[in-house]
Amino acid sequence: MCRSPDSAPCRPYSEAVRDDLGQTYRQLRPYAFAIAYRMLGTVTEAEDVVQDAFVRLGQAVEAEIRSPKAYLATVTTRLALDVLRSARVQRESYAGPWLPEPLPDGTAIGAVADGAVAAELADSLSMAFLVVLESLSPVERAAFLLHDVFGYDYAEIAAILDKSEPNVRQITSRARRRVHDNRPRFEASREQRDRLAEKFFAACQGRDMDGLVQLLADDAALYGDGGTKGAGINRPIFGRDNVAQMLLTWFRLGEREDVRIEPAWVNGQPGAMMRDPLGRLVNVIALDISGGEIHTVRSIINPDKLSHLGPLSPLNRRRSD
C-alpha cells in the first residue's frame, strides 16, 4: 500500500486538494492550453487534451505530484503527442492548404512573466509560426516548444518524452535549425502593424487595387483554408498582383452580402473577423506584417475550424453543400 512519510495512507490527489483543485484549474489551465494549442494548432483538440490532463491530475495520488504545474506539462505534452501523431495523417490528405484554428484577441499566450517572455510566447502563437511547426515530427515539435518557448531544460524534457538527455539535445537542435530557416520575423511594433492592417482592409473595401498592391510585398502569398466544407481556395496564390486581385474579388463578393469587417488581433497578429448582417462569423483573416509590408494573408473559412468562435454564417459554406 502506498504510504506518505508520516505512515498515513496516501490519499488521491483530488481528495487531498479538493478545496484547492478549482483554484489550481483556474491558475494552470491557460498554461496547459498554451502548450496543447502550440503542439496541435487546433482549439477543440487542445481543450480536450487539457481537460483530460486535469482529470488525471485529480485522480493522481499525492506521492506522484512533485508540482501540479510540472505534472500538467508532462501529461499535456504526452497526450498532445498521441493526438498529433494521429492528426498528421489526416493533415497530409487535407483538402487545400491546412491552417491552424484561429484564436482572436491573443488568447493562449499562457502564464507569462513580462517583456521578452511575453513577446516570445506571442510570436510563437502566430499562424506563420504554427505552420512552420507543421514541418517537424511530433517529438521534434514537443522538444523544441518545451525548450525554446516554455523554458524547460533538457533533463526535464528527457523525463517528459522518456528519452535520454543527449537524444533530446539532438532532437531539439535539429528542430531549431529547421524552424530558424523558416521562422517569421515580426520586427514592427503592434501599433505599426495595426495601422498597416487598417490601410489594408480599407483598400480591400474601397477596391483600391493600386493602394493594395503598394501594401503587399513582392512575394506576397494568400492562403484560404476551407477544407471540404468551406469556400476556400485549393492552392496558395503568390505574387502581389495576383493576391490583390483575388482579395478584391473576395471583398466584392462580401460587399454584395453586406459582410462587415471586425478588426481583431488574431494569434498575436493583426487581422479581422468577417461577419454577415446577423453577426454570424463568415471567416477569420490573419496578416503577417514585416518591414512595413504585408507578406502573407491567411483566411480560415472552414466551419469546422471556426465553431469555437460562436454562430457561423451559411455564407462560408461551399455551394455544393
C-alpha atoms as a PDB file:
ATOM      1  CA  MET A   1       0.000   0.000   0.000  1.00  0.00           C
ATOM      2  CA  CYS A   2       1.240   3.494  -0.808  1.00  0.00           C
ATOM      3  CA  ARG A   3       2.045   5.491   2.346  1.00  0.00           C
ATOM      4  CA  SER A   4       3.155   9.047   2.923  1.00  0.00           C
ATOM      5  CA  PRO A   5       6.278   9.857   5.008  1.00  0.00           C
ATOM      6  CA  ASP A   6       4.228  10.014   8.232  1.00  0.00           C
ATOM      7  CA  SER A   7       2.971   6.460   7.538  1.00  0.00           C
ATOM      8  CA  ALA A   8      -0.580   7.642   6.781  1.00  0.00           C
ATOM      9  CA  PRO A   9      -2.091   6.038   3.675  1.00  0.00           C
ATOM     10  CA  CYS A  10      -1.689   8.168   0.541  1.00  0.00           C
ATOM     11  CA  ARG A  11      -4.934   9.828  -0.478  1.00  0.00           C
ATOM     12  CA  PRO A  12      -5.981  10.504  -4.045  1.00  0.00           C
ATOM     13  CA  TYR A  13      -4.699  13.905  -5.078  1.00  0.00           C
ATOM     14  CA  SER A  14      -8.246  15.035  -5.837  1.00  0.00           C
ATOM     15  CA  GLU A  15      -9.288  14.332  -2.217  1.00  0.00           C
ATOM     16  CA  ALA A  16      -6.195  15.921  -0.708  1.00  0.00           C
ATOM     17  CA  VAL A  17      -6.729  19.201  -2.543  1.00  0.00           C
ATOM     18  CA  ARG A  18     -10.426  19.065  -3.408  1.00  0.00           C
ATOM     19  CA  ASP A  19     -10.902  22.560  -1.967  1.00  0.00           C
ATOM     20  CA  ASP A  20      -7.965  23.907  -3.993  1.00  0.00           C
ATOM     21  CA  LEU A  21      -8.417  21.991  -7.244  1.00  0.00           C
ATOM     22  CA  GLY A  22     -10.721  24.646  -8.666  1.00  0.00           C
ATOM     23  CA  GLN A  23      -8.128  27.314  -7.979  1.00  0.00           C
ATOM     24  CA  THR A  24      -5.419  25.129  -9.497  1.00  0.00           C
ATOM     25  CA  TYR A  25      -7.566  24.745 -12.599  1.00  0.00           C
ATOM     26  CA  ARG A  26      -8.082  28.486 -12.935  1.00  0.00           C
ATOM     27  CA  GLN A  27      -4.390  29.185 -12.444  1.00  0.00           C
ATOM     28  CA  LEU A  28      -2.874  26.476 -14.623  1.00  0.00           C
ATOM     29  CA  ARG A  29      -5.459  25.860 -17.331  1.00  0.00           C
ATOM     30  CA  PRO A  30      -4.136  28.762 -19.501  1.00  0.00           C
ATOM     31  CA  TYR A  31      -0.627  27.346 -19.195  1.00  0.00           C
ATOM     32  CA  ALA A  32      -1.678  23.814 -20.113  1.00  0.00           C
ATOM     33  CA  PHE A  33      -3.750  25.136 -23.014  1.00  0.00           C
ATOM     34  CA  ALA A  34      -0.804  27.222 -24.238  1.00  0.00           C
ATOM     35  CA  ILE A  35       1.263  24.038 -24.537  1.00  0.00           C
ATOM     36  CA  ALA A  36      -1.511  21.939 -26.062  1.00  0.00           C
ATOM     37  CA  TYR A  37      -2.522  24.540 -28.643  1.00  0.00           C
ATOM     38  CA  ARG A  38       1.032  25.102 -29.861  1.00  0.00           C
ATOM     39  CA  MET A  39       1.509  21.348 -30.071  1.00  0.00           C
ATOM     40  CA  LEU A  40      -1.683  20.770 -32.063  1.00  0.00           C
ATOM     41  CA  GLY A  41      -2.715  24.014 -33.748  1.00  0.00           C
ATOM     42  CA  THR A  42      -6.342  23.206 -33.004  1.00  0.00           C
ATOM     43  CA  VAL A  43      -8.575  24.620 -30.305  1.00  0.00           C
ATOM     44  CA  THR A  44     -11.023  21.768 -29.823  1.00  0.00           C
ATOM     45  CA  GLU A  45      -8.352  19.083 -29.593  1.00  0.00           C
ATOM     46  CA  ALA A  46      -6.240  21.246 -27.276  1.00  0.00           C
ATOM     47  CA  GLU A  47      -9.218  21.775 -24.975  1.00  0.00           C
ATOM     48  CA  ASP A  48      -9.869  18.017 -24.897  1.00  0.00           C
ATOM     49  CA  VAL A  49      -6.223  17.350 -24.035  1.00  0.00           C
ATOM     50  CA  VAL A  50      -6.265  19.916 -21.221  1.00  0.00           C
ATOM     51  CA  GLN A  51      -9.493  18.521 -19.812  1.00  0.00           C
ATOM     52  CA  ASP A  52      -8.051  15.011 -19.827  1.00  0.00           C
ATOM     53  CA  ALA A  53      -4.844  16.253 -18.188  1.00  0.00           C
ATOM     54  CA  PHE A  54      -6.788  17.823 -15.316  1.00  0.00           C
ATOM     55  CA  VAL A  55      -8.847  14.667 -14.875  1.00  0.00           C
ATOM     56  CA  ARG A  56      -5.597  12.750 -14.470  1.00  0.00           C
ATOM     57  CA  LEU A  57      -4.299  15.369 -12.056  1.00  0.00           C
ATOM     58  CA  GLY A  58      -7.409  14.941  -9.945  1.00  0.00           C
ATOM     59  CA  GLN A  59      -7.035  11.143  -9.933  1.00  0.00           C
ATOM     60  CA  ALA A  60      -3.312  11.078  -9.170  1.00  0.00           C
ATOM     61  CA  VAL A  61      -2.018  10.244  -5.709  1.00  0.00           C
ATOM     62  CA  GLU A  62      -0.077  12.762  -3.667  1.00  0.00           C
ATOM     63  CA  ALA A  63       3.160  10.774  -3.994  1.00  0.00           C
ATOM     64  CA  GLU A  64       3.091  11.232  -7.798  1.00  0.00           C
ATOM     65  CA  ILE A  65       2.863  15.013  -7.653  1.00  0.00           C
ATOM     66  CA  ARG A  66       6.090  16.976  -7.358  1.00  0.00           C
ATOM     67  CA  SER A  67       4.384  20.082  -8.670  1.00  0.00           C
ATOM     68  CA  PRO A  68       0.929  20.430 -10.267  1.00  0.00           C
ATOM     69  CA  LYS A  69       2.430  22.645 -12.985  1.00  0.00           C
ATOM     70  CA  ALA A  70       5.182  20.161 -13.837  1.00  0.00           C
ATOM     71  CA  TYR A  71       2.698  17.272 -13.735  1.00  0.00           C
ATOM     72  CA  LEU A  72       0.306  19.058 -16.102  1.00  0.00           C
ATOM     73  CA  ALA A  73       3.106  19.986 -18.512  1.00  0.00           C
ATOM     74  CA  THR A  74       4.171  16.341 -18.674  1.00  0.00           C
ATOM     75  CA  VAL A  75       0.695  14.867 -19.109  1.00  0.00           C
ATOM     76  CA  THR A  76      -0.432  17.587 -21.524  1.00  0.00           C
ATOM     77  CA  THR A  77       2.622  17.076 -23.733  1.00  0.00           C
ATOM     78  CA  ARG A  78       2.258  13.297 -23.796  1.00  0.00           C
ATOM     79  CA  LEU A  79      -1.464  13.442 -24.583  1.00  0.00           C
ATOM     80  CA  ALA A  80      -0.871  16.046 -27.288  1.00  0.00           C
ATOM     81  CA  LEU A  81       1.826  13.843 -28.837  1.00  0.00           C
ATOM     82  CA  ASP A  82      -0.657  10.990 -29.174  1.00  0.00           C
ATOM     83  CA  VAL A  83      -3.234  13.275 -30.797  1.00  0.00           C
ATOM     84  CA  LEU A  84      -0.678  14.868 -33.132  1.00  0.00           C
ATOM     85  CA  ARG A  85       0.626  11.541 -34.405  1.00  0.00           C
ATOM     86  CA  SER A  86      -2.883  10.633 -35.495  1.00  0.00           C
ATOM     87  CA  ALA A  87      -3.669  14.103 -36.856  1.00  0.00           C
ATOM     88  CA  ARG A  88      -0.613  14.217 -39.122  1.00  0.00           C
ATOM     89  CA  VAL A  89      -2.058  11.502 -41.345  1.00  0.00           C
ATOM     90  CA  GLN A  90      -5.270  13.490 -41.802  1.00  0.00           C
ATOM     91  CA  ARG A  91      -3.420  16.738 -42.487  1.00  0.00           C
ATOM     92  CA  GLU A  92      -1.354  15.141 -45.238  1.00  0.00           C
ATOM     93  CA  SER A  93      -4.564  14.434 -47.171  1.00  0.00           C
ATOM     94  CA  TYR A  94      -6.314  17.697 -46.212  1.00  0.00           C
ATOM     95  CA  ALA A  95      -8.302  19.437 -48.967  1.00  0.00           C
ATOM     96  CA  GLY A  96      -6.327  22.561 -49.844  1.00  0.00           C
ATOM     97  CA  PRO A  97      -3.957  24.482 -47.531  1.00  0.00           C
ATOM     98  CA  TRP A  98      -4.118  23.437 -43.870  1.00  0.00           C
ATOM     99  CA  LEU A  99      -4.074  26.312 -41.383  1.00  0.00           C
ATOM    100  CA  PRO A 100      -4.361  26.300 -37.579  1.00  0.00           C
ATOM    101  CA  GLU A 101      -7.643  27.095 -35.870  1.00  0.00           C
ATOM    102  CA  PRO A 102      -7.637  30.844 -35.132  1.00  0.00           C
ATOM    103  CA  LEU A 103      -7.515  32.393 -31.689  1.00  0.00           C
ATOM    104  CA  PRO A 104      -8.652  36.032 -31.738  1.00  0.00           C
ATOM    105  CA  ASP A 105      -7.667  38.563 -29.083  1.00  0.00           C
ATOM    106  CA  GLY A 106      -4.319  36.963 -28.255  1.00  0.00           C
ATOM    107  CA  THR A 107      -5.622  34.099 -26.124  1.00  0.00           C
ATOM    108  CA  ALA A 108      -3.434  31.072 -25.339  1.00  0.00           C
ATOM    109  CA  ILE A 109      -0.338  33.170 -24.734  1.00  0.00           C
ATOM    110  CA  GLY A 110      -0.196  31.369 -21.422  1.00  0.00           C
ATOM    111  CA  ALA A 111       1.140  32.170 -17.985  1.00  0.00           C
ATOM    112  CA  VAL A 112       3.833  34.666 -18.944  1.00  0.00           C
ATOM    113  CA  ALA A 113       6.043  36.886 -16.881  1.00  0.00           C
ATOM    114  CA  ASP A 114       6.523  40.095 -18.837  1.00  0.00           C
ATOM    115  CA  GLY A 115       8.514  41.812 -21.554  1.00  0.00           C
ATOM    116  CA  ALA A 116      10.631  39.490 -23.689  1.00  0.00           C
ATOM    117  CA  VAL A 117       8.993  36.332 -22.380  1.00  0.00           C
ATOM    118  CA  ALA A 118       5.545  37.587 -23.298  1.00  0.00           C
ATOM    119  CA  ALA A 119       6.788  38.702 -26.730  1.00  0.00           C
ATOM    120  CA  GLU A 120       8.362  35.298 -27.387  1.00  0.00           C
ATOM    121  CA  LEU A 121       5.163  33.480 -26.463  1.00  0.00           C
ATOM    122  CA  ALA A 122       3.096  35.860 -28.579  1.00  0.00           C
ATOM    123  CA  ASP A 123       5.280  35.262 -31.656  1.00  0.00           C
ATOM    124  CA  SER A 124       5.102  31.500 -31.077  1.00  0.00           C
ATOM    125  CA  LEU A 125       1.325  31.806 -31.292  1.00  0.00           C
ATOM    126  CA  SER A 126       1.277  33.317 -34.790  1.00  0.00           C
ATOM    127  CA  MET A 127      -0.200  31.469 -37.733  1.00  0.00           C
ATOM    128  CA  ALA A 128       3.140  31.668 -39.515  1.00  0.00           C
ATOM    129  CA  PHE A 129       4.997  30.072 -36.612  1.00  0.00           C
ATOM    130  CA  LEU A 130       2.426  27.295 -36.159  1.00  0.00           C
ATOM    131  CA  VAL A 131       2.615  26.497 -39.879  1.00  0.00           C
ATOM    132  CA  VAL A 132       6.408  26.185 -39.598  1.00  0.00           C
ATOM    133  CA  LEU A 133       5.964  23.770 -36.678  1.00  0.00           C
ATOM    134  CA  GLU A 134       3.975  21.505 -39.005  1.00  0.00           C
ATOM    135  CA  SER A 135       7.259  20.630 -40.745  1.00  0.00           C
ATOM    136  CA  LEU A 136       8.554  18.988 -37.560  1.00  0.00           C
ATOM    137  CA  SER A 137       7.893  15.490 -36.336  1.00  0.00           C
ATOM    138  CA  PRO A 138       5.673  15.287 -33.234  1.00  0.00           C
ATOM    139  CA  VAL A 139       8.650  14.609 -30.941  1.00  0.00           C
ATOM    140  CA  GLU A 140      10.710  17.407 -32.526  1.00  0.00           C
ATOM    141  CA  ARG A 141       7.794  19.771 -32.058  1.00  0.00           C
ATOM    142  CA  ALA A 142       7.414  18.846 -28.399  1.00  0.00           C
ATOM    143  CA  ALA A 143      11.127  19.116 -27.609  1.00  0.00           C
ATOM    144  CA  PHE A 144      11.520  22.431 -29.405  1.00  0.00           C
ATOM    145  CA  LEU A 145       8.457  24.030 -27.809  1.00  0.00           C
ATOM    146  CA  LEU A 146       9.288  22.841 -24.307  1.00  0.00           C
ATOM    147  CA  HIS A 147      12.868  24.088 -24.507  1.00  0.00           C
ATOM    148  CA  ASP A 148      12.832  27.196 -26.708  1.00  0.00           C
ATOM    149  CA  VAL A 149       9.356  28.523 -25.920  1.00  0.00           C
ATOM    150  CA  PHE A 150       8.474  27.287 -22.428  1.00  0.00           C
ATOM    151  CA  GLY A 151      11.964  27.224 -20.950  1.00  0.00           C
ATOM    152  CA  TYR A 152      12.312  23.607 -19.793  1.00  0.00           C
ATOM    153  CA  ASP A 153      15.840  22.242 -19.540  1.00  0.00           C
ATOM    154  CA  TYR A 154      17.000  19.154 -21.389  1.00  0.00           C
ATOM    155  CA  ALA A 155      16.843  16.909 -18.342  1.00  0.00           C
ATOM    156  CA  GLU A 156      13.208  17.855 -17.715  1.00  0.00           C
ATOM    157  CA  ILE A 157      12.297  17.312 -21.365  1.00  0.00           C
ATOM    158  CA  ALA A 158      14.052  13.947 -21.375  1.00  0.00           C
ATOM    159  CA  ALA A 159      11.838  12.850 -18.479  1.00  0.00           C
ATOM    160  CA  ILE A 160       8.690  14.141 -20.191  1.00  0.00           C
ATOM    161  CA  LEU A 161       9.483  12.444 -23.508  1.00  0.00           C
ATOM    162  CA  ASP A 162      11.040   9.343 -21.933  1.00  0.00           C
ATOM    163  CA  LYS A 163      14.274   9.777 -23.857  1.00  0.00           C
ATOM    164  CA  SER A 164      17.920  10.256 -22.939  1.00  0.00           C
ATOM    165  CA  GLU A 165      19.171  13.780 -22.410  1.00  0.00           C
ATOM    166  CA  PRO A 166      21.740  13.576 -25.272  1.00  0.00           C
ATOM    167  CA  ASN A 167      18.979  12.379 -27.584  1.00  0.00           C
ATOM    168  CA  VAL A 168      16.754  15.278 -26.563  1.00  0.00           C
ATOM    169  CA  ARG A 169      19.590  17.717 -27.256  1.00  0.00           C
ATOM    170  CA  GLN A 170      19.989  16.318 -30.757  1.00  0.00           C
ATOM    171  CA  ILE A 171      16.250  16.382 -31.434  1.00  0.00           C
ATOM    172  CA  THR A 172      15.892  19.955 -30.197  1.00  0.00           C
ATOM    173  CA  SER A 173      18.918  21.166 -32.153  1.00  0.00           C
ATOM    174  CA  ARG A 174      17.627  19.580 -35.350  1.00  0.00           C
ATOM    175  CA  ALA A 175      14.192  21.118 -34.851  1.00  0.00           C
ATOM    176  CA  ARG A 176      15.681  24.520 -34.029  1.00  0.00           C
ATOM    177  CA  ARG A 177      17.664  24.606 -37.265  1.00  0.00           C
ATOM    178  CA  ARG A 178      14.567  23.790 -39.282  1.00  0.00           C
ATOM    179  CA  VAL A 179      12.462  26.388 -37.504  1.00  0.00           C
ATOM    180  CA  HIS A 180      15.183  29.036 -37.737  1.00  0.00           C
ATOM    181  CA  ASP A 181      15.372  28.654 -41.529  1.00  0.00           C
ATOM    182  CA  ASN A 182      11.669  29.404 -41.917  1.00  0.00           C
ATOM    183  CA  ARG A 183      10.691  31.342 -38.803  1.00  0.00           C
ATOM    184  CA  PRO A 184       8.791  34.586 -39.442  1.00  0.00           C
ATOM    185  CA  ARG A 185      10.094  37.882 -38.148  1.00  0.00           C
ATOM    186  CA  PHE A 186       7.717  40.496 -36.736  1.00  0.00           C
ATOM    187  CA  GLU A 187      10.013  43.413 -36.004  1.00  0.00           C
ATOM    188  CA  ALA A 188       7.348  46.114 -36.407  1.00  0.00           C
ATOM    189  CA  SER A 189       5.551  47.346 -33.299  1.00  0.00           C
ATOM    190  CA  ARG A 190       1.959  46.398 -32.647  1.00  0.00           C
ATOM    191  CA  GLU A 191       0.876  49.989 -33.370  1.00  0.00           C
ATOM    192  CA  GLN A 192       2.653  49.978 -36.742  1.00  0.00           C
ATOM    193  CA  ARG A 193       1.103  46.647 -37.679  1.00  0.00           C
ATOM    194  CA  ASP A 194      -2.336  47.870 -36.635  1.00  0.00           C
ATOM    195  CA  ARG A 195      -2.003  50.947 -38.849  1.00  0.00           C
ATOM    196  CA  LEU A 196      -0.887  48.880 -41.827  1.00  0.00           C
ATOM    197  CA  ALA A 197      -3.729  46.410 -41.270  1.00  0.00           C
ATOM    198  CA  GLU A 198      -6.212  49.286 -41.164  1.00  0.00           C
ATOM    199  CA  LYS A 199      -4.913  50.558 -44.516  1.00  0.00           C
ATOM    200  CA  PHE A 200      -5.074  47.031 -45.917  1.00  0.00           C
ATOM    201  CA  PHE A 201      -8.729  46.463 -45.064  1.00  0.00           C
ATOM    202  CA  ALA A 202      -9.649  49.976 -46.198  1.00  0.00           C
ATOM    203  CA  ALA A 203      -8.044  49.282 -49.584  1.00  0.00           C
ATOM    204  CA  CYS A 204      -9.868  45.953 -49.843  1.00  0.00           C
ATOM    205  CA  GLN A 205     -13.206  47.560 -49.045  1.00  0.00           C
ATOM    206  CA  GLY A 206     -12.553  50.509 -51.343  1.00  0.00           C
ATOM    207  CA  ARG A 207     -11.491  48.234 -54.209  1.00  0.00           C
ATOM    208  CA  ASP A 208      -8.264  50.223 -54.348  1.00  0.00           C
ATOM    209  CA  MET A 209      -6.063  47.959 -56.422  1.00  0.00           C
ATOM    210  CA  ASP A 210      -3.113  50.357 -56.555  1.00  0.00           C
ATOM    211  CA  GLY A 211      -3.275  51.052 -52.823  1.00  0.00           C
ATOM    212  CA  LEU A 212      -3.490  47.350 -52.031  1.00  0.00           C
ATOM    213  CA  VAL A 213      -0.559  46.479 -54.274  1.00  0.00           C
ATOM    214  CA  GLN A 214       1.564  49.109 -52.522  1.00  0.00           C
ATOM    215  CA  LEU A 215       0.887  47.461 -49.160  1.00  0.00           C
ATOM    216  CA  LEU A 216       1.819  43.949 -50.296  1.00  0.00           C
ATOM    217  CA  ALA A 217       5.331  42.532 -50.526  1.00  0.00           C
ATOM    218  CA  ASP A 218       6.584  41.457 -53.954  1.00  0.00           C
ATOM    219  CA  ASP A 219       6.395  37.806 -52.906  1.00  0.00           C
ATOM    220  CA  ALA A 220       3.092  38.125 -51.031  1.00  0.00           C
ATOM    221  CA  ALA A 221       1.116  34.918 -50.517  1.00  0.00           C
ATOM    222  CA  LEU A 222      -2.561  34.217 -49.920  1.00  0.00           C
ATOM    223  CA  TYR A 223      -3.851  31.052 -48.234  1.00  0.00           C
ATOM    224  CA  GLY A 224      -7.510  30.143 -47.901  1.00  0.00           C
ATOM    225  CA  ASP A 225      -8.343  27.181 -45.655  1.00  0.00           C
ATOM    226  CA  GLY A 226     -11.823  25.888 -46.427  1.00  0.00           C
ATOM    227  CA  GLY A 227     -11.276  22.158 -46.055  1.00  0.00           C
ATOM    228  CA  THR A 228     -14.051  20.154 -47.669  1.00  0.00           C
ATOM    229  CA  LYS A 229     -16.852  22.342 -46.269  1.00  0.00           C
ATOM    230  CA  GLY A 230     -15.737  25.954 -46.529  1.00  0.00           C
ATOM    231  CA  ALA A 231     -15.441  28.213 -49.574  1.00  0.00           C
ATOM    232  CA  GLY A 232     -11.644  28.317 -49.526  1.00  0.00           C
ATOM    233  CA  ILE A 233      -9.065  28.001 -52.299  1.00  0.00           C
ATOM    234  CA  ASN A 234      -7.405  24.745 -53.301  1.00  0.00           C
ATOM    235  CA  ARG A 235      -3.874  26.137 -53.528  1.00  0.00           C
ATOM    236  CA  PRO A 236      -1.967  29.205 -52.364  1.00  0.00           C
ATOM    237  CA  ILE A 237      -1.763  32.324 -54.537  1.00  0.00           C
ATOM    238  CA  PHE A 238       1.595  34.070 -54.904  1.00  0.00           C
ATOM    239  CA  GLY A 239       2.697  37.485 -56.116  1.00  0.00           C
ATOM    240  CA  ARG A 240       1.350  40.887 -55.065  1.00  0.00           C
ATOM    241  CA  ASP A 241      -0.754  41.450 -58.192  1.00  0.00           C
ATOM    242  CA  ASN A 242      -2.359  38.010 -58.075  1.00  0.00           C
ATOM    243  CA  VAL A 243      -3.011  38.280 -54.338  1.00  0.00           C
ATOM    244  CA  ALA A 244      -4.501  41.768 -54.721  1.00  0.00           C
ATOM    245  CA  GLN A 245      -6.824  40.640 -57.498  1.00  0.00           C
ATOM    246  CA  MET A 246      -8.112  37.676 -55.502  1.00  0.00           C
ATOM    247  CA  LEU A 247      -8.615  39.789 -52.388  1.00  0.00           C
ATOM    248  CA  LEU A 248     -10.613  42.398 -54.277  1.00  0.00           C
ATOM    249  CA  THR A 249     -12.762  39.631 -55.745  1.00  0.00           C
ATOM    250  CA  TRP A 250     -13.420  38.243 -52.259  1.00  0.00           C
ATOM    251  CA  PHE A 251     -14.317  41.623 -50.816  1.00  0.00           C
ATOM    252  CA  ARG A 252     -16.537  42.478 -53.772  1.00  0.00           C
ATOM    253  CA  LEU A 253     -18.494  39.278 -53.143  1.00  0.00           C
ATOM    254  CA  GLY A 254     -18.601  40.088 -49.435  1.00  0.00           C
ATOM    255  CA  GLU A 255     -19.979  43.548 -50.160  1.00  0.00           C
ATOM    256  CA  ARG A 256     -22.874  42.012 -52.066  1.00  0.00           C
ATOM    257  CA  GLU A 257     -23.786  40.027 -48.961  1.00  0.00           C
ATOM    258  CA  ASP A 258     -23.266  43.025 -46.664  1.00  0.00           C
ATOM    259  CA  VAL A 259     -20.383  41.306 -44.873  1.00  0.00           C
ATOM    260  CA  ARG A 260     -18.693  43.632 -42.382  1.00  0.00           C
ATOM    261  CA  ILE A 261     -15.127  43.728 -41.133  1.00  0.00           C
ATOM    262  CA  GLU A 262     -14.476  43.475 -37.399  1.00  0.00           C
ATOM    263  CA  PRO A 263     -10.786  44.216 -36.692  1.00  0.00           C
ATOM    264  CA  ALA A 264      -9.235  41.683 -34.341  1.00  0.00           C
ATOM    265  CA  TRP A 265      -5.865  40.593 -33.022  1.00  0.00           C
ATOM    266  CA  VAL A 266      -5.625  37.008 -34.353  1.00  0.00           C
ATOM    267  CA  ASN A 267      -2.997  34.662 -32.925  1.00  0.00           C
ATOM    268  CA  GLY A 268      -0.958  37.606 -31.755  1.00  0.00           C
ATOM    269  CA  GLN A 269      -1.056  39.334 -35.162  1.00  0.00           C
ATOM    270  CA  PRO A 270      -3.410  41.869 -36.795  1.00  0.00           C
ATOM    271  CA  GLY A 271      -6.406  40.539 -38.659  1.00  0.00           C
ATOM    272  CA  ALA A 272     -10.178  40.599 -38.779  1.00  0.00           C
ATOM    273  CA  MET A 273     -13.319  38.610 -38.213  1.00  0.00           C
ATOM    274  CA  MET A 274     -15.773  38.849 -41.102  1.00  0.00           C
ATOM    275  CA  ARG A 275     -19.457  38.774 -40.132  1.00  0.00           C
ATOM    276  CA  ASP A 276     -22.732  38.649 -42.029  1.00  0.00           C
ATOM    277  CA  PRO A 277     -25.616  41.107 -41.344  1.00  0.00           C
ATOM    278  CA  LEU A 278     -26.835  38.915 -38.449  1.00  0.00           C
ATOM    279  CA  GLY A 279     -23.418  38.970 -36.774  1.00  0.00           C
ATOM    280  CA  ARG A 280     -22.602  35.368 -37.674  1.00  0.00           C
ATOM    281  CA  LEU A 281     -18.970  34.592 -38.435  1.00  0.00           C
ATOM    282  CA  VAL A 282     -18.025  34.051 -42.089  1.00  0.00           C
ATOM    283  CA  ASN A 283     -14.240  33.736 -41.830  1.00  0.00           C
ATOM    284  CA  VAL A 284     -11.172  34.931 -39.954  1.00  0.00           C
ATOM    285  CA  ILE A 285      -8.243  36.695 -41.619  1.00  0.00           C
ATOM    286  CA  ALA A 286      -4.729  36.934 -40.178  1.00  0.00           C
ATOM    287  CA  LEU A 287      -1.898  39.039 -41.604  1.00  0.00           C
ATOM    288  CA  ASP A 288       1.877  38.558 -41.473  1.00  0.00           C
ATOM    289  CA  ILE A 289       3.493  42.000 -41.465  1.00  0.00           C
ATOM    290  CA  SER A 290       7.209  42.711 -41.574  1.00  0.00           C
ATOM    291  CA  GLY A 291       9.343  45.538 -42.892  1.00  0.00           C
ATOM    292  CA  GLY A 292       6.318  47.757 -43.458  1.00  0.00           C
ATOM    293  CA  GLU A 293       4.761  45.257 -45.876  1.00  0.00           C
ATOM    294  CA  ILE A 294       2.155  42.525 -45.752  1.00  0.00           C
ATOM    295  CA  HIS A 295       3.835  39.252 -46.630  1.00  0.00           C
ATOM    296  CA  THR A 296       1.077  36.720 -46.071  1.00  0.00           C
ATOM    297  CA  VAL A 297      -2.706  36.793 -45.855  1.00  0.00           C
ATOM    298  CA  ARG A 298      -4.371  33.759 -44.296  1.00  0.00           C
ATOM    299  CA  SER A 299      -8.115  33.215 -44.400  1.00  0.00           C
ATOM    300  CA  ILE A 300      -9.712  30.458 -42.332  1.00  0.00           C
ATOM    301  CA  ILE A 301     -13.226  29.733 -43.560  1.00  0.00           C
ATOM    302  CA  ASN A 302     -13.567  26.020 -42.812  1.00  0.00           C
ATOM    303  CA  PRO A 303     -16.597  25.909 -40.469  1.00  0.00           C
ATOM    304  CA  ASP A 304     -15.049  23.039 -38.510  1.00  0.00           C
ATOM    305  CA  LYS A 305     -12.225  25.406 -37.503  1.00  0.00           C
ATOM    306  CA  LEU A 306     -14.488  28.292 -36.502  1.00  0.00           C
ATOM    307  CA  SER A 307     -17.180  26.641 -34.388  1.00  0.00           C
ATOM    308  CA  HIS A 308     -15.416  27.618 -31.135  1.00  0.00           C
ATOM    309  CA  LEU A 309     -15.923  31.291 -32.029  1.00  0.00           C
ATOM    310  CA  GLY A 310     -19.718  31.362 -31.990  1.00  0.00           C
ATOM    311  CA  PRO A 311     -22.576  31.146 -34.530  1.00  0.00           C
ATOM    312  CA  LEU A 312     -21.430  30.633 -38.126  1.00  0.00           C
ATOM    313  CA  SER A 313     -22.826  32.100 -41.304  1.00  0.00           C
ATOM    314  CA  PRO A 314     -24.007  29.882 -44.166  1.00  0.00           C
ATOM    315  CA  LEU A 315     -22.020  32.196 -46.423  1.00  0.00           C
ATOM    316  CA  ASN A 316     -18.850  30.311 -45.540  1.00  0.00           C
ATOM    317  CA  ARG A 317     -20.115  27.016 -46.980  1.00  0.00           C
ATOM    318  CA  ARG A 318     -19.163  25.591 -50.328  1.00  0.00           C
ATOM    319  CA  ARG A 319     -22.038  25.816 -52.775  1.00  0.00           C
ATOM    320  CA  SER A 320     -22.016  22.047 -53.260  1.00  0.00           C
ATOM    321  CA  ASP A 321     -23.018  21.725 -49.558  1.00  0.00           C
END
